[in-house]
Amino acid sequence: EFLQADLIDFLHVVIVPIVLGSGVRIW
């Protein structure tokens, strides 16, 4: 929601080498 509203200045994302197949997506 905050990314869509263009309110984020810095984002630290950690890509974990697993495949979940379902859940809540971020992108």
PDB file of all heavy atoms in Angstrom:
ATOM      1  N   GLU A   1       0.833  -1.208   0.000  1.00  0.00           N
ATOM      2  CA  GLU A   1       0.000   0.000   0.000  1.00  0.00           C
ATOM      3  C   GLU A   1       0.866   1.256   0.000  1.00  0.00           C
ATOM      4  O   GLU A   1       0.577   2.229  -0.709  1.00  0.00           O
ATOM      5  CB  GLU A   1      -0.922   0.002   1.217  1.00  0.00           C
ATOM      6  CG  GLU A   1      -2.056  -1.008   1.157  1.00  0.00           C
ATOM      7  CD  GLU A   1      -2.920  -0.941   2.404  1.00  0.00           C
ATOM      8  OE1 GLU A   1      -2.770   0.020   3.182  1.00  0.00           O
ATOM      9  OE2 GLU A   1      -3.738  -1.861   2.596  1.00  0.00           O
ATOM     10  N   PHE A   2       1.916   1.258   0.809  1.00  0.00           N
ATOM     11  CA  PHE A   2       2.768   2.441   0.888  1.00  0.00           C
ATOM     12  C   PHE A   2       3.610   2.602  -0.377  1.00  0.00           C
ATOM     13  O   PHE A   2       3.895   3.727  -0.795  1.00  0.00           O
ATOM     14  CB  PHE A   2       3.644   2.374   2.137  1.00  0.00           C
ATOM     15  CG  PHE A   2       2.926   2.814   3.384  1.00  0.00           C
ATOM     16  CD1 PHE A   2       2.057   1.960   4.040  1.00  0.00           C
ATOM     17  CD2 PHE A   2       3.095   4.097   3.876  1.00  0.00           C
ATOM     18  CE1 PHE A   2       1.373   2.365   5.169  1.00  0.00           C
ATOM     19  CE2 PHE A   2       2.419   4.523   5.002  1.00  0.00           C
ATOM     20  CZ  PHE A   2       1.547   3.657   5.663  1.00  0.00           C
ATOM     21  N   LEU A   3       4.003   1.498  -1.004  1.00  0.00           N
ATOM     22  CA  LEU A   3       4.708   1.599  -2.287  1.00  0.00           C
ATOM     23  C   LEU A   3       3.779   2.134  -3.371  1.00  0.00           C
ATOM     24  O   LEU A   3       4.182   2.983  -4.182  1.00  0.00           O
ATOM     25  CB  LEU A   3       5.257   0.232  -2.687  1.00  0.00           C
ATOM     26  CG  LEU A   3       6.499  -0.249  -1.920  1.00  0.00           C
ATOM     27  CD1 LEU A   3       6.792  -1.704  -2.246  1.00  0.00           C
ATOM     28  CD2 LEU A   3       7.719   0.619  -2.256  1.00  0.00           C
ATOM     29  N   GLN A   4       2.551   1.656  -3.402  1.00  0.00           N
ATOM     30  CA  GLN A   4       1.608   2.154  -4.394  1.00  0.00           C
ATOM     31  C   GLN A   4       1.341   3.642  -4.212  1.00  0.00           C
ATOM     32  O   GLN A   4       1.144   4.373  -5.187  1.00  0.00           O
ATOM     33  CB  GLN A   4       0.295   1.374  -4.301  1.00  0.00           C
ATOM     34  CG  GLN A   4       0.396  -0.060  -4.801  1.00  0.00           C
ATOM     35  CD  GLN A   4      -0.925  -0.800  -4.691  1.00  0.00           C
ATOM     36  OE1 GLN A   4      -1.933  -0.354  -5.220  1.00  0.00           O
ATOM     37  NE2 GLN A   4      -0.932  -1.919  -3.995  1.00  0.00           N
ATOM     38  N   ALA A   5       1.347   4.101  -2.965  1.00  0.00           N
ATOM     39  CA  ALA A   5       1.129   5.520  -2.677  1.00  0.00           C
ATOM     40  C   ALA A   5       2.394   6.355  -2.851  1.00  0.00           C
ATOM     41  O   ALA A   5       2.374   7.567  -2.636  1.00  0.00           O
ATOM     42  CB  ALA A   5       0.595   5.689  -1.255  1.00  0.00           C
ATOM     43  N   ASP A   6       3.507   5.710  -3.242  1.00  0.00           N
ATOM     44  CA  ASP A   6       4.785   6.384  -3.483  1.00  0.00           C
ATOM     45  C   ASP A   6       5.281   7.109  -2.231  1.00  0.00           C
ATOM     46  O   ASP A   6       5.737   8.252  -2.281  1.00  0.00           O
ATOM     47  CB  ASP A   6       4.662   7.374  -4.648  1.00  0.00           C
ATOM     48  CG  ASP A   6       6.021   7.770  -5.224  1.00  0.00           C
ATOM     49  OD1 ASP A   6       7.015   7.059  -4.935  1.00  0.00           O
ATOM     50  OD2 ASP A   6       6.094   8.782  -5.944  1.00  0.00           O
ATOM     51  N   LEU A   7       5.229   6.394  -1.084  1.00  0.00           N
ATOM     52  CA  LEU A   7       5.624   6.982   0.192  1.00  0.00           C
ATOM     53  C   LEU A   7       6.886   6.363   0.771  1.00  0.00           C
ATOM     54  O   LEU A   7       7.317   6.753   1.857  1.00  0.00           O
ATOM     55  CB  LEU A   7       4.482   6.839   1.210  1.00  0.00           C
ATOM     56  CG  LEU A   7       3.182   7.572   0.870  1.00  0.00           C
ATOM     57  CD1 LEU A   7       2.090   7.216   1.871  1.00  0.00           C
ATOM     58  CD2 LEU A   7       3.399   9.080   0.828  1.00  0.00           C
ATOM     59  N   ILE A   8       7.496   5.400   0.067  1.00  0.00           N
ATOM     60  CA  ILE A   8       8.678   4.703   0.571  1.00  0.00           C
ATOM     61  C   ILE A   8       9.935   5.333  -0.023  1.00  0.00           C
ATOM     62  O   ILE A   8      10.038   5.523  -1.233  1.00  0.00           O
ATOM     63  CB  ILE A   8       8.641   3.202   0.211  1.00  0.00           C
ATOM     64  CG1 ILE A   8       7.373   2.549   0.758  1.00  0.00           C
ATOM     65  CG2 ILE A   8       9.896   2.498   0.703  1.00  0.00           C
ATOM     66  CD1 ILE A   8       7.305   2.463   2.244  1.00  0.00           C
ATOM     67  N   ASP A   9      10.899   5.640   0.841  1.00  0.00           N
ATOM     68  CA  ASP A   9      12.181   6.198   0.401  1.00  0.00           C
ATOM     69  C   ASP A   9      13.287   5.151   0.316  1.00  0.00           C
ATOM     70  O   ASP A   9      14.224   5.297  -0.473  1.00  0.00           O
ATOM     71  CB  ASP A   9      12.626   7.312   1.361  1.00  0.00           C
ATOM     72  CG  ASP A   9      11.628   8.448   1.425  1.00  0.00           C
ATOM     73  OD1 ASP A   9      11.303   9.007   0.363  1.00  0.00           O
ATOM     74  OD2 ASP A   9      11.157   8.760   2.539  1.00  0.00           O
ATOM     75  N   PHE A  10      13.188   4.120   1.140  1.00  0.00           N
ATOM     76  CA  PHE A  10      14.221   3.080   1.173  1.00  0.00           C
ATOM     77  C   PHE A  10      13.571   1.741   1.460  1.00  0.00           C
ATOM     78  O   PHE A  10      12.698   1.635   2.333  1.00  0.00           O
ATOM     79  CB  PHE A  10      15.269   3.387   2.246  1.00  0.00           C
ATOM     80  CG  PHE A  10      16.289   2.286   2.428  1.00  0.00           C
ATOM     81  CD1 PHE A  10      17.358   2.166   1.556  1.00  0.00           C
ATOM     82  CD2 PHE A  10      16.154   1.357   3.456  1.00  0.00           C
ATOM     83  CE1 PHE A  10      18.290   1.134   1.711  1.00  0.00           C
ATOM     84  CE2 PHE A  10      17.077   0.334   3.620  1.00  0.00           C
ATOM     85  CZ  PHE A  10      18.146   0.221   2.740  1.00  0.00           C
ATOM     86  N   LEU A  11      14.023   0.715   0.738  1.00  0.00           N
ATOM     87  CA  LEU A  11      13.425  -0.617   0.853  1.00  0.00           C
ATOM     88  C   LEU A  11      14.545  -1.651   0.885  1.00  0.00           C
ATOM     89  O   LEU A  11      15.343  -1.736  -0.053  1.00  0.00           O
ATOM     90  CB  LEU A  11      12.504  -0.852  -0.342  1.00  0.00           C
ATOM     91  CG  LEU A  11      11.729  -2.157  -0.469  1.00  0.00           C
ATOM     92  CD1 LEU A  11      10.647  -2.241   0.600  1.00  0.00           C
ATOM     93  CD2 LEU A  11      11.094  -2.257  -1.858  1.00  0.00           C
ATOM     94  N   HIS A  12      14.622  -2.404   1.976  1.00  0.00           N
ATOM     95  CA  HIS A  12      15.600  -3.496   2.102  1.00  0.00           C
ATOM     96  C   HIS A  12      14.840  -4.812   1.958  1.00  0.00           C
ATOM     97  O   HIS A  12      14.089  -5.212   2.855  1.00  0.00           O
ATOM     98  CB  HIS A  12      16.303  -3.421   3.454  1.00  0.00           C
ATOM     99  CG  HIS A  12      17.150  -4.630   3.759  1.00  0.00           C
ATOM    100  ND1 HIS A  12      17.305  -5.111   5.039  1.00  0.00           N
ATOM    101  CD2 HIS A  12      17.882  -5.454   2.960  1.00  0.00           C
ATOM    102  CE1 HIS A  12      18.101  -6.174   5.020  1.00  0.00           C
ATOM    103  NE2 HIS A  12      18.459  -6.409   3.766  1.00  0.00           N
ATOM    104  N   VAL A  13      15.024  -5.466   0.806  1.00  0.00           N
ATOM    105  CA  VAL A  13      14.371  -6.735   0.510  1.00  0.00           C
ATOM    106  C   VAL A  13      15.415  -7.835   0.600  1.00  0.00           C
ATOM    107  O   VAL A  13      16.542  -7.679   0.120  1.00  0.00           O
ATOM    108  CB  VAL A  13      13.756  -6.714  -0.906  1.00  0.00           C
ATOM    109  CG1 VAL A  13      13.114  -8.055  -1.241  1.00  0.00           C
ATOM    110  CG2 VAL A  13      12.740  -5.589  -1.029  1.00  0.00           C
ATOM    111  N   VAL A  14      15.042  -8.955   1.228  1.00  0.00           N
ATOM    112  CA  VAL A  14      15.932 -10.102   1.342  1.00  0.00           C
ATOM    113  C   VAL A  14      15.311 -11.255   0.559  1.00  0.00           C
ATOM    114  O   VAL A  14      14.262 -11.776   0.953  1.00  0.00           O
ATOM    115  CB  VAL A  14      16.157 -10.517   2.809  1.00  0.00           C
ATOM    116  CG1 VAL A  14      17.210 -11.613   2.893  1.00  0.00           C
ATOM    117  CG2 VAL A  14      16.550  -9.316   3.661  1.00  0.00           C
ATOM    118  N   ILE A  15      15.935 -11.625  -0.560  1.00  0.00           N
ATOM    119  CA  ILE A  15      15.435 -12.723  -1.367  1.00  0.00           C
ATOM    120  C   ILE A  15      15.949 -14.030  -0.779  1.00  0.00           C
ATOM    121  O   ILE A  15      17.160 -14.249  -0.681  1.00  0.00           O
ATOM    122  CB  ILE A  15      15.861 -12.590  -2.839  1.00  0.00           C
ATOM    123  CG1 ILE A  15      15.452 -11.207  -3.390  1.00  0.00           C
ATOM    124  CG2 ILE A  15      15.244 -13.715  -3.675  1.00  0.00           C
ATOM    125  CD1 ILE A  15      13.970 -10.937  -3.363  1.00  0.00           C
ATOM    126  N   VAL A  16      15.016 -14.883  -0.376  1.00  0.00           N
ATOM    127  CA  VAL A  16      15.346 -16.171   0.249  1.00  0.00           C
ATOM    128  C   VAL A  16      15.184 -17.265  -0.810  1.00  0.00           C
ATOM    129  O   VAL A  16      14.136 -17.347  -1.451  1.00  0.00           O
ATOM    130  CB  VAL A  16      14.423 -16.436   1.453  1.00  0.00           C
ATOM    131  CG1 VAL A  16      14.806 -17.734   2.152  1.00  0.00           C
ATOM    132  CG2 VAL A  16      14.453 -15.260   2.428  1.00  0.00           C
ATOM    133  N   PRO A  17      16.197 -18.125  -1.001  1.00  0.00           N
ATOM    134  CA  PRO A  17      16.151 -19.105  -2.085  1.00  0.00           C
ATOM    135  C   PRO A  17      15.256 -20.308  -1.777  1.00  0.00           C
ATOM    136  O   PRO A  17      15.719 -21.453  -1.657  1.00  0.00           O
ATOM    137  CB  PRO A  17      17.619 -19.511  -2.253  1.00  0.00           C
ATOM    138  CG  PRO A  17      18.193 -19.357  -0.882  1.00  0.00           C
ATOM    139  CD  PRO A  17      17.498 -18.155  -0.297  1.00  0.00           C
ATOM    140  N   ILE A  18      13.977 -20.025  -1.600  1.00  0.00           N
ATOM    141  CA  ILE A  18      12.973 -21.071  -1.445  1.00  0.00           C
ATOM    142  C   ILE A  18      11.789 -20.732  -2.342  1.00  0.00           C
ATOM    143  O   ILE A  18      11.615 -19.569  -2.738  1.00  0.00           O
ATOM    144  CB  ILE A  18      12.494 -21.218   0.014  1.00  0.00           C
ATOM    145  CG1 ILE A  18      11.857 -19.909   0.502  1.00  0.00           C
ATOM    146  CG2 ILE A  18      13.631 -21.651   0.926  1.00  0.00           C
ATOM    147  CD1 ILE A  18      11.197 -20.042   1.868  1.00  0.00           C
ATOM    148  N   VAL A  19      10.978 -21.721  -2.658  1.00  0.00           N
ATOM    149  CA  VAL A  19       9.753 -21.534  -3.443  1.00  0.00           C
ATOM    150  C   VAL A  19       8.575 -21.914  -2.562  1.00  0.00           C
ATOM    151  O   VAL A  19       8.482 -23.057  -2.106  1.00  0.00           O
ATOM    152  CB  VAL A  19       9.777 -22.384  -4.730  1.00  0.00           C
ATOM    153  CG1 VAL A  19       8.450 -22.270  -5.468  1.00  0.00           C
ATOM    154  CG2 VAL A  19      10.928 -21.951  -5.627  1.00  0.00           C
ATOM    155  N   LEU A  20       7.685 -20.961  -2.285  1.00  0.00           N
ATOM    156  CA  LEU A  20       6.537 -21.222  -1.420  1.00  0.00           C
ATOM    157  C   LEU A  20       5.308 -21.672  -2.212  1.00  0.00           C
ATOM    158  O   LEU A  20       4.517 -22.457  -1.717  1.00  0.00           O
ATOM    159  CB  LEU A  20       6.198 -19.966  -0.616  1.00  0.00           C
ATOM    160  CG  LEU A  20       7.230 -19.553   0.440  1.00  0.00           C
ATOM    161  CD1 LEU A  20       6.804 -18.251   1.107  1.00  0.00           C
ATOM    162  CD2 LEU A  20       7.422 -20.641   1.476  1.00  0.00           C
ATOM    163  N   GLY A  21       5.115 -21.131  -3.393  1.00  0.00           N
ATOM    164  CA  GLY A  21       4.007 -21.556  -4.224  1.00  0.00           C
ATOM    165  C   GLY A  21       2.677 -20.891  -3.932  1.00  0.00           C
ATOM    166  O   GLY A  21       1.776 -20.899  -4.770  1.00  0.00           O
ATOM    167  N   SER A  22       2.529 -20.296  -2.750  1.00  0.00           N
ATOM    168  CA  SER A  22       1.296 -19.599  -2.398  1.00  0.00           C
ATOM    169  C   SER A  22       1.585 -18.655  -1.243  1.00  0.00           C
ATOM    170  O   SER A  22       2.642 -18.729  -0.605  1.00  0.00           O
ATOM    171  CB  SER A  22       0.194 -20.593  -2.003  1.00  0.00           C
ATOM    172  OG  SER A  22       0.557 -21.289  -0.822  1.00  0.00           O
ATOM    173  N   GLY A  23       0.638 -17.787  -0.963  1.00  0.00           N
ATOM    174  CA  GLY A  23       0.799 -16.846   0.123  1.00  0.00           C
ATOM    175  C   GLY A  23       0.445 -15.442  -0.310  1.00  0.00           C
ATOM    176  O   GLY A  23      -0.319 -15.229  -1.253  1.00  0.00           O
ATOM    177  N   VAL A  24       1.017 -14.463   0.383  1.00  0.00           N
ATOM    178  CA  VAL A  24       0.784 -13.048   0.090  1.00  0.00           C
ATOM    179  C   VAL A  24       1.973 -12.532  -0.703  1.00  0.00           C
ATOM    180  O   VAL A  24       3.106 -12.543  -0.218  1.00  0.00           O
ATOM    181  CB  VAL A  24       0.595 -12.230   1.381  1.00  0.00           C
ATOM    182  CG1 VAL A  24       0.324 -10.761   1.039  1.00  0.00           C
ATOM    183  CG2 VAL A  24      -0.531 -12.811   2.226  1.00  0.00           C
ATOM    184  N   ARG A  25       1.716 -12.079  -1.912  1.00  0.00           N
ATOM    185  CA  ARG A  25       2.772 -11.592  -2.779  1.00  0.00           C
ATOM    186  C   ARG A  25       3.096 -10.135  -2.448  1.00  0.00           C
ATOM    187  O   ARG A  25       2.249  -9.396  -1.957  1.00  0.00           O
ATOM    188  CB  ARG A  25       2.357 -11.721  -4.243  1.00  0.00           C
ATOM    189  CG  ARG A  25       2.150 -13.172  -4.691  1.00  0.00           C
ATOM    190  CD  ARG A  25       1.761 -13.239  -6.160  1.00  0.00           C
ATOM    191  NE  ARG A  25       2.778 -12.622  -6.996  1.00  0.00           N
ATOM    192  CZ  ARG A  25       3.877 -13.256  -7.425  1.00  0.00           C
ATOM    193  NH1 ARG A  25       4.082 -14.523  -7.105  1.00  0.00           N
ATOM    194  NH2 ARG A  25       4.757 -12.635  -8.163  1.00  0.00           N
ATOM    195  N   ILE A  26       4.309  -9.737  -2.749  1.00  0.00           N
ATOM    196  CA  ILE A  26       4.725  -8.367  -2.476  1.00  0.00           C
ATOM    197  C   ILE A  26       4.683  -7.488  -3.715  1.00  0.00           C
ATOM    198  O   ILE A  26       4.427  -6.292  -3.630  1.00  0.00           O
ATOM    199  CB  ILE A  26       6.128  -8.330  -1.811  1.00  0.00           C
ATOM    200  CG1 ILE A  26       6.544  -6.887  -1.467  1.00  0.00           C
ATOM    201  CG2 ILE A  26       7.176  -8.997  -2.684  1.00  0.00           C
ATOM    202  CD1 ILE A  26       5.645  -6.188  -0.498  1.00  0.00           C
ATOM    203  N   TRP A  27       4.918  -8.048  -4.914  1.00  0.00           N
ATOM    204  CA  TRP A  27       5.123  -7.195  -6.080  1.00  0.00           C
ATOM    205  C   TRP A  27       3.866  -6.976  -6.930  1.00  0.00           C
ATOM    206  O   TRP A  27       3.926  -6.263  -7.923  1.00  0.00           O
ATOM    207  CB  TRP A  27       6.228  -7.775  -6.968  1.00  0.00           C
ATOM    208  CG  TRP A  27       7.537  -7.982  -6.255  1.00  0.00           C
ATOM    209  CD1 TRP A  27       8.239  -9.139  -6.129  1.00  0.00           C
ATOM    210  CD2 TRP A  27       8.311  -6.980  -5.569  1.00  0.00           C
ATOM    211  NE1 TRP A  27       9.381  -8.941  -5.398  1.00  0.00           N
ATOM    212  CE2 TRP A  27       9.466  -7.622  -5.042  1.00  0.00           C
ATOM    213  CE3 TRP A  27       8.144  -5.613  -5.342  1.00  0.00           C
ATOM    214  CZ2 TRP A  27      10.433  -6.945  -4.319  1.00  0.00           C
ATOM    215  CZ3 TRP A  27       9.103  -4.942  -4.603  1.00  0.00           C
ATOM    216  CH2 TRP A  27      10.236  -5.602  -4.116  1.00  0.00           C
TER     217      TRP A  27
END
